[in-house]
Amino acid sequence: MKVKKVSIAFLLLLIANLLFAQNVEIYNPDANAKAEISAAVKKASKEGKHVFIQIGGNWCPWCVKFHRFVDADSEIKKYAEENFEVVKVNYDQKNKNEAVLAELGFPQRFGFPVFVVLDGKGNRIHTQNSAFLEKDKSYDREVVLQFFKHWSPTAVDPISYRK
C-alpha cells in the first residue's frame, strides 16, 4: 500500500512538472546558437556590455522558473538588460548544441539551467552553476541580483578599483 502511494505521488509530481514546462517557448531548438552568440558579442562590444548566456531547455522546470523569476522582477530585469546582451541556448534531445557548449567549456556539467558570461570580446569570464542561486523552491532575489552585479562590465573593469 505504501509503495502504491509513493508511486501515485511520484506520478502526480511528474505530471505537474510536465504541465509547468508545457507550451513554454523560452528556448528555440531551431536557433543557430553560434550565430546568436556572435551577434550578441558584437552588440555587447559596441554598447559596453557583457553577454549573458542562459543554457537550458523548455523541458526544464528550473530553466523556465529562472526566466520567469527574472522577467517578473523589474530591478533584476532592468539591470540585466542594461549590462548584458542575453542569449538563450537550447539543450534538448533535438538540439544539444554540443559544438557551442564545447567552445564554452562544457557548462552542461553543472546541470540546467547553467549560465555563461562572456566579455565584449567573446571571452568566457565565468560559468555559473544555477543551484547556487536557488532558495527553497525558487531563486534568491538578492543572490541573483548580486550575481549580475558581480559579473557586469563595471565590476570586472580594473579602472573601477583604482583610487
C-alpha atoms as a PDB file:
ATOM      1  CA  MET A   1       0.000   0.000   0.000  1.00  0.00           C
ATOM      2  CA  LYS A   2       2.854   2.379   0.892  1.00  0.00           C
ATOM      3  CA  VAL A   3       4.574   1.684  -2.459  1.00  0.00           C
ATOM      4  CA  LYS A   4       1.338   2.456  -4.285  1.00  0.00           C
ATOM      5  CA  LYS A   5       1.002   5.850  -2.512  1.00  0.00           C
ATOM      6  CA  VAL A   6       4.600   6.748  -3.292  1.00  0.00           C
ATOM      7  CA  SER A   7       4.096   5.742  -6.932  1.00  0.00           C
ATOM      8  CA  ILE A   8       0.976   7.875  -7.215  1.00  0.00           C
ATOM      9  CA  ALA A   9       2.727  10.837  -5.576  1.00  0.00           C
ATOM     10  CA  PHE A  10       5.662  10.476  -7.977  1.00  0.00           C
ATOM     11  CA  LEU A  11       3.320  10.292 -10.955  1.00  0.00           C
ATOM     12  CA  LEU A  12       1.469  13.433  -9.836  1.00  0.00           C
ATOM     13  CA  LEU A  13       4.755  15.271  -9.379  1.00  0.00           C
ATOM     14  CA  LEU A  14       5.905  14.213 -12.847  1.00  0.00           C
ATOM     15  CA  ILE A  15       2.633  15.384 -14.405  1.00  0.00           C
ATOM     16  CA  ALA A  16       2.873  18.711 -12.559  1.00  0.00           C
ATOM     17  CA  ASN A  17       6.417  19.248 -13.879  1.00  0.00           C
ATOM     18  CA  LEU A  18       5.348  18.428 -17.425  1.00  0.00           C
ATOM     19  CA  LEU A  19       2.393  20.815 -17.205  1.00  0.00           C
ATOM     20  CA  PHE A  20       4.620  23.535 -15.748  1.00  0.00           C
ATOM     21  CA  ALA A  21       7.047  23.371 -18.674  1.00  0.00           C
ATOM     22  CA  GLN A  22       4.396  22.653 -21.300  1.00  0.00           C
ATOM     23  CA  ASN A  23       3.846  25.223 -24.058  1.00  0.00           C
ATOM     24  CA  VAL A  24       6.770  27.330 -22.912  1.00  0.00           C
ATOM     25  CA  GLU A  25       8.798  28.846 -25.731  1.00  0.00           C
ATOM     26  CA  ILE A  26      11.776  30.358 -23.943  1.00  0.00           C
ATOM     27  CA  TYR A  27      14.378  28.331 -25.827  1.00  0.00           C
ATOM     28  CA  ASN A  28      14.272  27.893 -29.593  1.00  0.00           C
ATOM     29  CA  PRO A  29      15.510  24.409 -30.530  1.00  0.00           C
ATOM     30  CA  ASP A  30      15.952  25.553 -34.149  1.00  0.00           C
ATOM     31  CA  ALA A  31      18.023  28.644 -33.352  1.00  0.00           C
ATOM     32  CA  ASN A  32      21.596  28.923 -34.546  1.00  0.00           C
ATOM     33  CA  ALA A  33      23.240  29.373 -31.149  1.00  0.00           C
ATOM     34  CA  LYS A  34      26.663  30.129 -32.585  1.00  0.00           C
ATOM     35  CA  ALA A  35      25.278  32.931 -34.771  1.00  0.00           C
ATOM     36  CA  GLU A  36      23.164  34.348 -31.923  1.00  0.00           C
ATOM     37  CA  ILE A  37      26.153  34.416 -29.575  1.00  0.00           C
ATOM     38  CA  SER A  38      28.323  36.031 -32.231  1.00  0.00           C
ATOM     39  CA  ALA A  39      25.705  38.738 -32.856  1.00  0.00           C
ATOM     40  CA  ALA A  40      25.333  39.312 -29.101  1.00  0.00           C
ATOM     41  CA  VAL A  41      29.112  39.683 -28.694  1.00  0.00           C
ATOM     42  CA  LYS A  42      29.238  42.275 -31.489  1.00  0.00           C
ATOM     43  CA  LYS A  43      26.359  44.229 -29.965  1.00  0.00           C
ATOM     44  CA  ALA A  44      27.788  43.938 -26.447  1.00  0.00           C
ATOM     45  CA  SER A  45      31.139  45.225 -27.674  1.00  0.00           C
ATOM     46  CA  LYS A  46      29.527  48.289 -29.234  1.00  0.00           C
ATOM     47  CA  GLU A  47      27.389  49.008 -26.168  1.00  0.00           C
ATOM     48  CA  GLY A  48      29.959  48.307 -23.438  1.00  0.00           C
ATOM     49  CA  LYS A  49      28.109  45.251 -22.163  1.00  0.00           C
ATOM     50  CA  HIS A  50      28.808  41.603 -21.439  1.00  0.00           C
ATOM     51  CA  VAL A  51      26.931  38.607 -22.845  1.00  0.00           C
ATOM     52  CA  PHE A  52      24.802  36.501 -20.520  1.00  0.00           C
ATOM     53  CA  ILE A  53      24.135  33.043 -21.931  1.00  0.00           C
ATOM     54  CA  GLN A  54      21.343  31.044 -20.319  1.00  0.00           C
ATOM     55  CA  ILE A  55      21.603  27.389 -21.327  1.00  0.00           C
ATOM     56  CA  GLY A  56      18.696  25.038 -20.809  1.00  0.00           C
ATOM     57  CA  GLY A  57      15.507  23.859 -22.413  1.00  0.00           C
ATOM     58  CA  ASN A  58      11.759  24.279 -22.446  1.00  0.00           C
ATOM     59  CA  TRP A  59      11.555  20.827 -20.840  1.00  0.00           C
ATOM     60  CA  CYS A  60      13.414  22.047 -17.723  1.00  0.00           C
ATOM     61  CA  PRO A  61      11.221  23.427 -14.904  1.00  0.00           C
ATOM     62  CA  TRP A  62      14.145  25.300 -13.275  1.00  0.00           C
ATOM     63  CA  CYS A  63      15.060  26.881 -16.627  1.00  0.00           C
ATOM     64  CA  VAL A  64      11.505  28.141 -17.072  1.00  0.00           C
ATOM     65  CA  LYS A  65      11.414  29.220 -13.425  1.00  0.00           C
ATOM     66  CA  PHE A  66      14.609  31.304 -13.801  1.00  0.00           C
ATOM     67  CA  HIS A  67      13.285  33.045 -16.907  1.00  0.00           C
ATOM     68  CA  ARG A  68      10.002  33.873 -15.180  1.00  0.00           C
ATOM     69  CA  PHE A  69      11.797  34.926 -11.992  1.00  0.00           C
ATOM     70  CA  VAL A  70      13.996  37.477 -13.775  1.00  0.00           C
ATOM     71  CA  ASP A  71      11.172  38.634 -16.032  1.00  0.00           C
ATOM     72  CA  ALA A  72       8.893  39.298 -13.032  1.00  0.00           C
ATOM     73  CA  ASP A  73      11.460  41.320 -11.052  1.00  0.00           C
ATOM     74  CA  SER A  74      11.740  44.770 -12.632  1.00  0.00           C
ATOM     75  CA  GLU A  75      15.022  45.661 -10.896  1.00  0.00           C
ATOM     76  CA  ILE A  76      16.827  42.469 -11.885  1.00  0.00           C
ATOM     77  CA  LYS A  77      15.405  42.549 -15.397  1.00  0.00           C
ATOM     78  CA  LYS A  78      16.428  46.188 -15.902  1.00  0.00           C
ATOM     79  CA  TYR A  79      19.927  45.600 -14.515  1.00  0.00           C
ATOM     80  CA  ALA A  80      20.431  42.577 -16.768  1.00  0.00           C
ATOM     81  CA  GLU A  81      19.175  44.435 -19.840  1.00  0.00           C
ATOM     82  CA  GLU A  82      21.413  47.453 -19.133  1.00  0.00           C
ATOM     83  CA  ASN A  83      24.571  45.387 -18.610  1.00  0.00           C
ATOM     84  CA  PHE A  84      24.195  42.254 -20.737  1.00  0.00           C
ATOM     85  CA  GLU A  85      23.137  41.023 -24.107  1.00  0.00           C
ATOM     86  CA  VAL A  86      21.095  37.929 -23.260  1.00  0.00           C
ATOM     87  CA  VAL A  87      21.195  34.747 -25.338  1.00  0.00           C
ATOM     88  CA  LYS A  88      19.205  31.630 -24.538  1.00  0.00           C
ATOM     89  CA  VAL A  89      20.907  28.493 -25.844  1.00  0.00           C
ATOM     90  CA  ASN A  90      18.787  25.393 -26.221  1.00  0.00           C
ATOM     91  CA  TYR A  91      19.752  21.976 -24.927  1.00  0.00           C
ATOM     92  CA  ASP A  92      17.373  19.105 -25.622  1.00  0.00           C
ATOM     93  CA  GLN A  93      17.220  15.799 -27.467  1.00  0.00           C
ATOM     94  CA  LYS A  94      16.537  17.593 -30.767  1.00  0.00           C
ATOM     95  CA  ASN A  95      19.423  20.044 -30.471  1.00  0.00           C
ATOM     96  CA  LYS A  96      22.102  19.689 -27.813  1.00  0.00           C
ATOM     97  CA  ASN A  97      24.299  22.433 -29.301  1.00  0.00           C
ATOM     98  CA  GLU A  98      27.308  20.266 -28.477  1.00  0.00           C
ATOM     99  CA  ALA A  99      29.828  22.237 -30.560  1.00  0.00           C
ATOM    100  CA  VAL A 100      28.796  25.544 -28.945  1.00  0.00           C
ATOM    101  CA  LEU A 101      28.885  24.042 -25.453  1.00  0.00           C
ATOM    102  CA  ALA A 102      32.341  22.613 -26.149  1.00  0.00           C
ATOM    103  CA  GLU A 103      33.528  26.111 -27.105  1.00  0.00           C
ATOM    104  CA  LEU A 104      32.060  27.403 -23.831  1.00  0.00           C
ATOM    105  CA  GLY A 105      33.992  24.870 -21.734  1.00  0.00           C
ATOM    106  CA  PHE A 106      31.251  22.228 -21.313  1.00  0.00           C
ATOM    107  CA  PRO A 107      28.994  24.163 -18.913  1.00  0.00           C
ATOM    108  CA  GLN A 108      26.375  21.399 -19.042  1.00  0.00           C
ATOM    109  CA  ARG A 109      28.464  19.572 -16.444  1.00  0.00           C
ATOM    110  CA  PHE A 110      26.666  21.720 -13.848  1.00  0.00           C
ATOM    111  CA  GLY A 111      23.169  20.743 -14.980  1.00  0.00           C
ATOM    112  CA  PHE A 112      20.468  23.108 -16.203  1.00  0.00           C
ATOM    113  CA  PRO A 113      19.979  25.930 -16.329  1.00  0.00           C
ATOM    114  CA  VAL A 114      23.594  26.947 -16.424  1.00  0.00           C
ATOM    115  CA  PHE A 115      24.858  30.445 -17.136  1.00  0.00           C
ATOM    116  CA  VAL A 116      27.938  31.628 -19.007  1.00  0.00           C
ATOM    117  CA  VAL A 117      29.195  35.203 -19.060  1.00  0.00           C
ATOM    118  CA  LEU A 118      31.301  36.454 -21.966  1.00  0.00           C
ATOM    119  CA  ASP A 119      33.040  39.800 -22.137  1.00  0.00           C
ATOM    120  CA  GLY A 120      32.540  42.152 -25.074  1.00  0.00           C
ATOM    121  CA  LYS A 121      35.282  40.349 -26.983  1.00  0.00           C
ATOM    122  CA  GLY A 122      33.634  36.951 -26.629  1.00  0.00           C
ATOM    123  CA  ASN A 123      35.972  35.609 -23.954  1.00  0.00           C
ATOM    124  CA  ARG A 124      34.353  33.374 -21.360  1.00  0.00           C
ATOM    125  CA  ILE A 125      34.873  35.041 -17.993  1.00  0.00           C
ATOM    126  CA  HIS A 126      32.515  32.987 -15.815  1.00  0.00           C
ATOM    127  CA  THR A 127      30.366  29.864 -15.720  1.00  0.00           C
ATOM    128  CA  GLN A 128      27.669  29.750 -13.041  1.00  0.00           C
ATOM    129  CA  ASN A 129      26.001  26.679 -11.597  1.00  0.00           C
ATOM    130  CA  SER A 130      22.442  27.948 -11.098  1.00  0.00           C
ATOM    131  CA  ALA A 131      21.940  25.787  -7.990  1.00  0.00           C
ATOM    132  CA  PHE A 132      23.925  28.382  -6.023  1.00  0.00           C
ATOM    133  CA  LEU A 133      21.296  30.990  -6.900  1.00  0.00           C
ATOM    134  CA  GLU A 134      18.352  28.949  -5.617  1.00  0.00           C
ATOM    135  CA  LYS A 135      16.375  29.395  -2.451  1.00  0.00           C
ATOM    136  CA  ASP A 136      13.668  26.995  -1.368  1.00  0.00           C
ATOM    137  CA  LYS A 137      11.609  26.270  -4.493  1.00  0.00           C
ATOM    138  CA  SER A 138      12.670  29.385  -6.395  1.00  0.00           C
ATOM    139  CA  TYR A 139      15.646  31.687  -6.735  1.00  0.00           C
ATOM    140  CA  ASP A 140      17.111  34.043  -4.141  1.00  0.00           C
ATOM    141  CA  ARG A 141      16.433  37.593  -5.296  1.00  0.00           C
ATOM    142  CA  GLU A 142      19.448  39.175  -3.618  1.00  0.00           C
ATOM    143  CA  VAL A 143      21.823  36.428  -4.749  1.00  0.00           C
ATOM    144  CA  VAL A 144      20.623  36.634  -8.367  1.00  0.00           C
ATOM    145  CA  LEU A 145      20.956  40.417  -8.379  1.00  0.00           C
ATOM    146  CA  GLN A 146      24.455  40.168  -6.861  1.00  0.00           C
ATOM    147  CA  PHE A 147      25.404  37.583  -9.478  1.00  0.00           C
ATOM    148  CA  PHE A 148      24.521  40.023 -12.263  1.00  0.00           C
ATOM    149  CA  LYS A 149      26.282  42.891 -10.466  1.00  0.00           C
ATOM    150  CA  HIS A 150      29.445  40.861  -9.816  1.00  0.00           C
ATOM    151  CA  TRP A 151      29.789  39.942 -13.500  1.00  0.00           C
ATOM    152  CA  SER A 152      28.798  43.285 -15.022  1.00  0.00           C
ATOM    153  CA  PRO A 153      31.329  45.173 -17.155  1.00  0.00           C
ATOM    154  CA  THR A 154      31.925  47.712 -14.373  1.00  0.00           C
ATOM    155  CA  ALA A 155      32.584  45.020 -11.772  1.00  0.00           C
ATOM    156  CA  VAL A 156      35.366  43.396 -13.765  1.00  0.00           C
ATOM    157  CA  ASP A 157      36.901  46.608 -15.091  1.00  0.00           C
ATOM    158  CA  PRO A 158      40.215  47.341 -13.294  1.00  0.00           C
ATOM    159  CA  ILE A 159      39.510  51.073 -13.546  1.00  0.00           C
ATOM    160  CA  SER A 160      36.664  50.567 -11.062  1.00  0.00           C
ATOM    161  CA  TYR A 161      39.219  49.708  -8.405  1.00  0.00           C
ATOM    162  CA  ARG A 162      41.753  52.491  -8.895  1.00  0.00           C
ATOM    163  CA  LYS A 163      41.927  55.143  -6.219  1.00  0.00           C
END
